[in-house]
Amino acid sequence: AGLQGVGYGMGVAAADYDNDGYEDLYV
């Protein structure tokens, strides 16, 4: 998926920000 991440992670928020029908992630 390409979601290994970068740096010292803390939180996550999931939602479909561009209304294309697929859930995106903000980390």
PDB file of all heavy atoms in Angstrom:
ATOM      1  N   ALA A   1       0.807  -1.222   0.000  1.00  0.00           N
ATOM      2  CA  ALA A   1       0.000   0.000   0.000  1.00  0.00           C
ATOM      3  C   ALA A   1       0.837   1.267   0.000  1.00  0.00           C
ATOM      4  O   ALA A   1       0.339   2.344  -0.337  1.00  0.00           O
ATOM      5  CB  ALA A   1      -0.930  -0.003   1.217  1.00  0.00           C
ATOM      6  N   GLY A   2       2.111   1.153   0.393  1.00  0.00           N
ATOM      7  CA  GLY A   2       2.971   2.333   0.465  1.00  0.00           C
ATOM      8  C   GLY A   2       2.712   3.190   1.685  1.00  0.00           C
ATOM      9  O   GLY A   2       2.834   4.414   1.634  1.00  0.00           O
ATOM     10  N   LEU A   3       2.403   2.553   2.814  1.00  0.00           N
ATOM     11  CA  LEU A   3       2.019   3.285   4.021  1.00  0.00           C
ATOM     12  C   LEU A   3       2.976   3.030   5.185  1.00  0.00           C
ATOM     13  O   LEU A   3       2.565   3.037   6.347  1.00  0.00           O
ATOM     14  CB  LEU A   3       0.593   2.904   4.427  1.00  0.00           C
ATOM     15  CG  LEU A   3      -0.519   3.472   3.547  1.00  0.00           C
ATOM     16  CD1 LEU A   3      -1.873   2.906   3.968  1.00  0.00           C
ATOM     17  CD2 LEU A   3      -0.544   4.999   3.619  1.00  0.00           C
ATOM     18  N   GLN A   4       4.256   2.834   4.892  1.00  0.00           N
ATOM     19  CA  GLN A   4       5.227   2.590   5.963  1.00  0.00           C
ATOM     20  C   GLN A   4       5.374   3.796   6.882  1.00  0.00           C
ATOM     21  O   GLN A   4       5.714   3.647   8.049  1.00  0.00           O
ATOM     22  CB  GLN A   4       6.601   2.243   5.363  1.00  0.00           C
ATOM     23  CG  GLN A   4       6.637   0.968   4.538  1.00  0.00           C
ATOM     24  CD  GLN A   4       6.424   1.234   3.055  1.00  0.00           C
ATOM     25  OE1 GLN A   4       5.650   2.101   2.672  1.00  0.00           O
ATOM     26  NE2 GLN A   4       7.137   0.490   2.209  1.00  0.00           N
ATOM     27  N   GLY A   5       5.146   4.972   6.358  1.00  0.00           N
ATOM     28  CA  GLY A   5       5.205   6.176   7.166  1.00  0.00           C
ATOM     29  C   GLY A   5       6.583   6.794   7.249  1.00  0.00           C
ATOM     30  O   GLY A   5       7.581   6.211   6.828  1.00  0.00           O
ATOM     31  N   VAL A   6       6.607   7.991   7.826  1.00  0.00           N
ATOM     32  CA  VAL A   6       7.833   8.771   7.946  1.00  0.00           C
ATOM     33  C   VAL A   6       7.902   9.356   9.349  1.00  0.00           C
ATOM     34  O   VAL A   6       6.892   9.829   9.875  1.00  0.00           O
ATOM     35  CB  VAL A   6       7.867   9.915   6.907  1.00  0.00           C
ATOM     36  CG1 VAL A   6       9.127  10.751   7.069  1.00  0.00           C
ATOM     37  CG2 VAL A   6       7.769   9.359   5.487  1.00  0.00           C
ATOM     38  N   GLY A   7       9.072   9.334   9.969  1.00  0.00           N
ATOM     39  CA  GLY A   7       9.284  10.015  11.230  1.00  0.00           C
ATOM     40  C   GLY A   7       8.594   9.380  12.420  1.00  0.00           C
ATOM     41  O   GLY A   7       8.125   8.233  12.377  1.00  0.00           O
ATOM     42  N   TYR A   8       8.518  10.148  13.505  1.00  0.00           N
ATOM     43  CA  TYR A   8       7.934   9.672  14.756  1.00  0.00           C
ATOM     44  C   TYR A   8       6.438   9.923  14.722  1.00  0.00           C
ATOM     45  O   TYR A   8       5.949  11.010  15.014  1.00  0.00           O
ATOM     46  CB  TYR A   8       8.573  10.379  15.953  1.00  0.00           C
ATOM     47  CG  TYR A   8       8.422   9.624  17.256  1.00  0.00           C
ATOM     48  CD1 TYR A   8       9.484   8.908  17.781  1.00  0.00           C
ATOM     49  CD2 TYR A   8       7.213   9.607  17.947  1.00  0.00           C
ATOM     50  CE1 TYR A   8       9.351   8.191  18.973  1.00  0.00           C
ATOM     51  CE2 TYR A   8       7.066   8.905  19.131  1.00  0.00           C
ATOM     52  CZ  TYR A   8       8.144   8.201  19.636  1.00  0.00           C
ATOM     53  OH  TYR A   8       8.005   7.495  20.804  1.00  0.00           O
ATOM     54  N   GLY A   9       5.658   8.890  14.337  1.00  0.00           N
ATOM     55  CA  GLY A   9       4.226   9.036  14.144  1.00  0.00           C
ATOM     56  C   GLY A   9       3.467   9.194  15.448  1.00  0.00           C
ATOM     57  O   GLY A   9       3.858   8.681  16.493  1.00  0.00           O
ATOM     58  N   MET A  10       2.329   9.899  15.353  1.00  0.00           N
ATOM     59  CA  MET A  10       1.467  10.119  16.522  1.00  0.00           C
ATOM     60  C   MET A  10       0.031   9.698  16.245  1.00  0.00           C
ATOM     61  O   MET A  10      -0.421   8.673  16.706  1.00  0.00           O
ATOM     62  CB  MET A  10       1.525  11.603  16.922  1.00  0.00           C
ATOM     63  CG  MET A  10       2.880  12.082  17.405  1.00  0.00           C
ATOM     64  SD  MET A  10       3.365  11.389  19.002  1.00  0.00           S
ATOM     65  CE  MET A  10       2.087  12.047  20.045  1.00  0.00           C
ATOM     66  N   GLY A  11      -0.694  10.488  15.438  1.00  0.00           N
ATOM     67  CA  GLY A  11      -2.115  10.253  15.261  1.00  0.00           C
ATOM     68  C   GLY A  11      -2.503   9.947  13.832  1.00  0.00           C
ATOM     69  O   GLY A  11      -1.696  10.063  12.898  1.00  0.00           O
ATOM     70  N   VAL A  12      -3.773   9.567  13.647  1.00  0.00           N
ATOM     71  CA  VAL A  12      -4.295   9.256  12.321  1.00  0.00           C
ATOM     72  C   VAL A  12      -5.753   9.693  12.245  1.00  0.00           C
ATOM     73  O   VAL A  12      -6.498   9.586  13.224  1.00  0.00           O
ATOM     74  CB  VAL A  12      -4.149   7.752  12.001  1.00  0.00           C
ATOM     75  CG1 VAL A  12      -4.860   6.891  13.030  1.00  0.00           C
ATOM     76  CG2 VAL A  12      -4.654   7.437  10.594  1.00  0.00           C
ATOM     77  N   ALA A  13      -6.146  10.200  11.073  1.00  0.00           N
ATOM     78  CA  ALA A  13      -7.536  10.563  10.813  1.00  0.00           C
ATOM     79  C   ALA A  13      -7.909  10.037   9.438  1.00  0.00           C
ATOM     80  O   ALA A  13      -7.227  10.323   8.449  1.00  0.00           O
ATOM     81  CB  ALA A  13      -7.720  12.083  10.876  1.00  0.00           C
ATOM     82  N   ALA A  14      -8.992   9.264   9.359  1.00  0.00           N
ATOM     83  CA  ALA A  14      -9.424   8.644   8.105  1.00  0.00           C
ATOM     84  C   ALA A  14     -10.704   9.305   7.609  1.00  0.00           C
ATOM     85  O   ALA A  14     -11.634   9.536   8.384  1.00  0.00           O
ATOM     86  CB  ALA A  14      -9.654   7.147   8.299  1.00  0.00           C
ATOM     87  N   ALA A  15     -10.751   9.600   6.313  1.00  0.00           N
ATOM     88  CA  ALA A  15     -11.958  10.123   5.663  1.00  0.00           C
ATOM     89  C   ALA A  15     -11.678  10.274   4.171  1.00  0.00           C
ATOM     90  O   ALA A  15     -10.520  10.306   3.738  1.00  0.00           O
ATOM     91  CB  ALA A  15     -12.386  11.460   6.260  1.00  0.00           C
ATOM     92  N   ASP A  16     -12.741  10.414   3.409  1.00  0.00           N
ATOM     93  CA  ASP A  16     -12.647  10.590   1.961  1.00  0.00           C
ATOM     94  C   ASP A  16     -12.631  12.080   1.649  1.00  0.00           C
ATOM     95  O   ASP A  16     -13.669  12.687   1.394  1.00  0.00           O
ATOM     96  CB  ASP A  16     -13.840   9.890   1.297  1.00  0.00           C
ATOM     97  CG  ASP A  16     -13.853  10.022  -0.214  1.00  0.00           C
ATOM     98  OD1 ASP A  16     -12.877  10.551  -0.777  1.00  0.00           O
ATOM     99  OD2 ASP A  16     -14.858   9.613  -0.818  1.00  0.00           O
ATOM    100  N   TYR A  17     -11.438  12.687   1.666  1.00  0.00           N
ATOM    101  CA  TYR A  17     -11.357  14.144   1.559  1.00  0.00           C
ATOM    102  C   TYR A  17     -11.677  14.668   0.163  1.00  0.00           C
ATOM    103  O   TYR A  17     -12.052  15.833  -0.002  1.00  0.00           O
ATOM    104  CB  TYR A  17      -9.982  14.651   2.014  1.00  0.00           C
ATOM    105  CG  TYR A  17      -8.854  14.426   1.031  1.00  0.00           C
ATOM    106  CD1 TYR A  17      -8.616  15.326  -0.002  1.00  0.00           C
ATOM    107  CD2 TYR A  17      -8.016  13.326   1.143  1.00  0.00           C
ATOM    108  CE1 TYR A  17      -7.568  15.122  -0.899  1.00  0.00           C
ATOM    109  CE2 TYR A  17      -6.978  13.108   0.256  1.00  0.00           C
ATOM    110  CZ  TYR A  17      -6.763  14.010  -0.765  1.00  0.00           C
ATOM    111  OH  TYR A  17      -5.727  13.805  -1.657  1.00  0.00           O
ATOM    112  N   ASP A  18     -11.522  13.831  -0.875  1.00  0.00           N
ATOM    113  CA  ASP A  18     -11.773  14.298  -2.245  1.00  0.00           C
ATOM    114  C   ASP A  18     -13.050  13.719  -2.848  1.00  0.00           C
ATOM    115  O   ASP A  18     -13.300  13.868  -4.050  1.00  0.00           O
ATOM    116  CB  ASP A  18     -10.578  14.008  -3.152  1.00  0.00           C
ATOM    117  CG  ASP A  18     -10.225  12.521  -3.207  1.00  0.00           C
ATOM    118  OD1 ASP A  18     -10.776  11.738  -2.396  1.00  0.00           O
ATOM    119  OD2 ASP A  18      -9.394  12.152  -4.052  1.00  0.00           O
ATOM    120  N   ASN A  19     -13.864  13.068  -2.020  1.00  0.00           N
ATOM    121  CA  ASN A  19     -15.186  12.593  -2.437  1.00  0.00           C
ATOM    122  C   ASN A  19     -15.139  11.666  -3.649  1.00  0.00           C
ATOM    123  O   ASN A  19     -16.044  11.664  -4.492  1.00  0.00           O
ATOM    124  CB  ASN A  19     -16.121  13.781  -2.738  1.00  0.00           C
ATOM    125  CG  ASN A  19     -16.432  14.614  -1.508  1.00  0.00           C
ATOM    126  OD1 ASN A  19     -16.479  14.095  -0.394  1.00  0.00           O
ATOM    127  ND2 ASN A  19     -16.627  15.909  -1.700  1.00  0.00           N
ATOM    128  N   ASP A  20     -14.085  10.826  -3.705  1.00  0.00           N
ATOM    129  CA  ASP A  20     -13.976   9.896  -4.834  1.00  0.00           C
ATOM    130  C   ASP A  20     -14.435   8.485  -4.463  1.00  0.00           C
ATOM    131  O   ASP A  20     -14.340   7.562  -5.271  1.00  0.00           O
ATOM    132  CB  ASP A  20     -12.552   9.859  -5.376  1.00  0.00           C
ATOM    133  CG  ASP A  20     -11.552   9.249  -4.392  1.00  0.00           C
ATOM    134  OD1 ASP A  20     -11.919   9.013  -3.222  1.00  0.00           O
ATOM    135  OD2 ASP A  20     -10.389   9.040  -4.792  1.00  0.00           O
ATOM    136  N   GLY A  21     -14.930   8.320  -3.229  1.00  0.00           N
ATOM    137  CA  GLY A  21     -15.449   7.026  -2.814  1.00  0.00           C
ATOM    138  C   GLY A  21     -14.457   6.144  -2.106  1.00  0.00           C
ATOM    139  O   GLY A  21     -14.795   5.003  -1.756  1.00  0.00           O
ATOM    140  N   TYR A  22     -13.245   6.636  -1.838  1.00  0.00           N
ATOM    141  CA  TYR A  22     -12.228   5.843  -1.149  1.00  0.00           C
ATOM    142  C   TYR A  22     -11.679   6.624   0.047  1.00  0.00           C
ATOM    143  O   TYR A  22     -11.379   7.826  -0.063  1.00  0.00           O
ATOM    144  CB  TYR A  22     -11.093   5.477  -2.105  1.00  0.00           C
ATOM    145  CG  TYR A  22     -11.509   4.527  -3.204  1.00  0.00           C
ATOM    146  CD1 TYR A  22     -11.912   5.000  -4.450  1.00  0.00           C
ATOM    147  CD2 TYR A  22     -11.533   3.151  -2.976  1.00  0.00           C
ATOM    148  CE1 TYR A  22     -12.313   4.128  -5.449  1.00  0.00           C
ATOM    149  CE2 TYR A  22     -11.933   2.269  -3.972  1.00  0.00           C
ATOM    150  CZ  TYR A  22     -12.322   2.765  -5.208  1.00  0.00           C
ATOM    151  OH  TYR A  22     -12.729   1.896  -6.199  1.00  0.00           O
ATOM    152  N   GLU A  23     -11.513   5.915   1.168  1.00  0.00           N
ATOM    153  CA  GLU A  23     -11.060   6.554   2.396  1.00  0.00           C
ATOM    154  C   GLU A  23      -9.563   6.852   2.348  1.00  0.00           C
ATOM    155  O   GLU A  23      -8.749   5.972   2.043  1.00  0.00           O
ATOM    156  CB  GLU A  23     -11.356   5.653   3.602  1.00  0.00           C
ATOM    157  CG  GLU A  23     -12.831   5.329   3.786  1.00  0.00           C
ATOM    158  CD  GLU A  23     -13.654   6.564   4.069  1.00  0.00           C
ATOM    159  OE1 GLU A  23     -13.488   7.150   5.159  1.00  0.00           O
ATOM    160  OE2 GLU A  23     -14.462   6.961   3.197  1.00  0.00           O
ATOM    161  N   ASP A  24      -9.211   8.084   2.654  1.00  0.00           N
ATOM    162  CA  ASP A  24      -7.826   8.535   2.679  1.00  0.00           C
ATOM    163  C   ASP A  24      -7.340   8.625   4.120  1.00  0.00           C
ATOM    164  O   ASP A  24      -8.123   8.513   5.068  1.00  0.00           O
ATOM    165  CB  ASP A  24      -7.726   9.896   1.982  1.00  0.00           C
ATOM    166  CG  ASP A  24      -8.414   9.903   0.620  1.00  0.00           C
ATOM    167  OD1 ASP A  24      -7.954   9.177  -0.270  1.00  0.00           O
ATOM    168  OD2 ASP A  24      -9.426  10.616   0.462  1.00  0.00           O
ATOM    169  N   LEU A  25      -6.049   8.841   4.302  1.00  0.00           N
ATOM    170  CA  LEU A  25      -5.455   8.899   5.638  1.00  0.00           C
ATOM    171  C   LEU A  25      -4.610  10.151   5.816  1.00  0.00           C
ATOM    172  O   LEU A  25      -3.815  10.505   4.935  1.00  0.00           O
ATOM    173  CB  LEU A  25      -4.561   7.678   5.881  1.00  0.00           C
ATOM    174  CG  LEU A  25      -5.237   6.317   6.040  1.00  0.00           C
ATOM    175  CD1 LEU A  25      -4.186   5.223   6.128  1.00  0.00           C
ATOM    176  CD2 LEU A  25      -6.130   6.294   7.281  1.00  0.00           C
ATOM    177  N   TYR A  26      -4.767  10.791   6.970  1.00  0.00           N
ATOM    178  CA  TYR A  26      -3.879  11.874   7.377  1.00  0.00           C
ATOM    179  C   TYR A  26      -3.160  11.409   8.634  1.00  0.00           C
ATOM    180  O   TYR A  26      -3.804  11.015   9.624  1.00  0.00           O
ATOM    181  CB  TYR A  26      -4.663  13.148   7.656  1.00  0.00           C
ATOM    182  CG  TYR A  26      -3.789  14.358   7.905  1.00  0.00           C
ATOM    183  CD1 TYR A  26      -3.147  15.001   6.851  1.00  0.00           C
ATOM    184  CD2 TYR A  26      -3.604  14.858   9.188  1.00  0.00           C
ATOM    185  CE1 TYR A  26      -2.354  16.117   7.061  1.00  0.00           C
ATOM    186  CE2 TYR A  26      -2.808  15.974   9.416  1.00  0.00           C
ATOM    187  CZ  TYR A  26      -2.184  16.598   8.345  1.00  0.00           C
ATOM    188  OH  TYR A  26      -1.385  17.705   8.558  1.00  0.00           O
ATOM    189  N   VAL A  27      -1.839  11.419   8.607  1.00  0.00           N
ATOM    190  CA  VAL A  27      -1.033  10.895   9.709  1.00  0.00           C
ATOM    191  C   VAL A  27      -0.188  12.021  10.293  1.00  0.00           C
ATOM    192  O   VAL A  27       0.554  12.688   9.566  1.00  0.00           O
ATOM    193  CB  VAL A  27      -0.128   9.742   9.237  1.00  0.00           C
ATOM    194  CG1 VAL A  27       0.693   9.198  10.395  1.00  0.00           C
ATOM    195  CG2 VAL A  27      -0.972   8.624   8.621  1.00  0.00           C
TER     196      VAL A  27
END
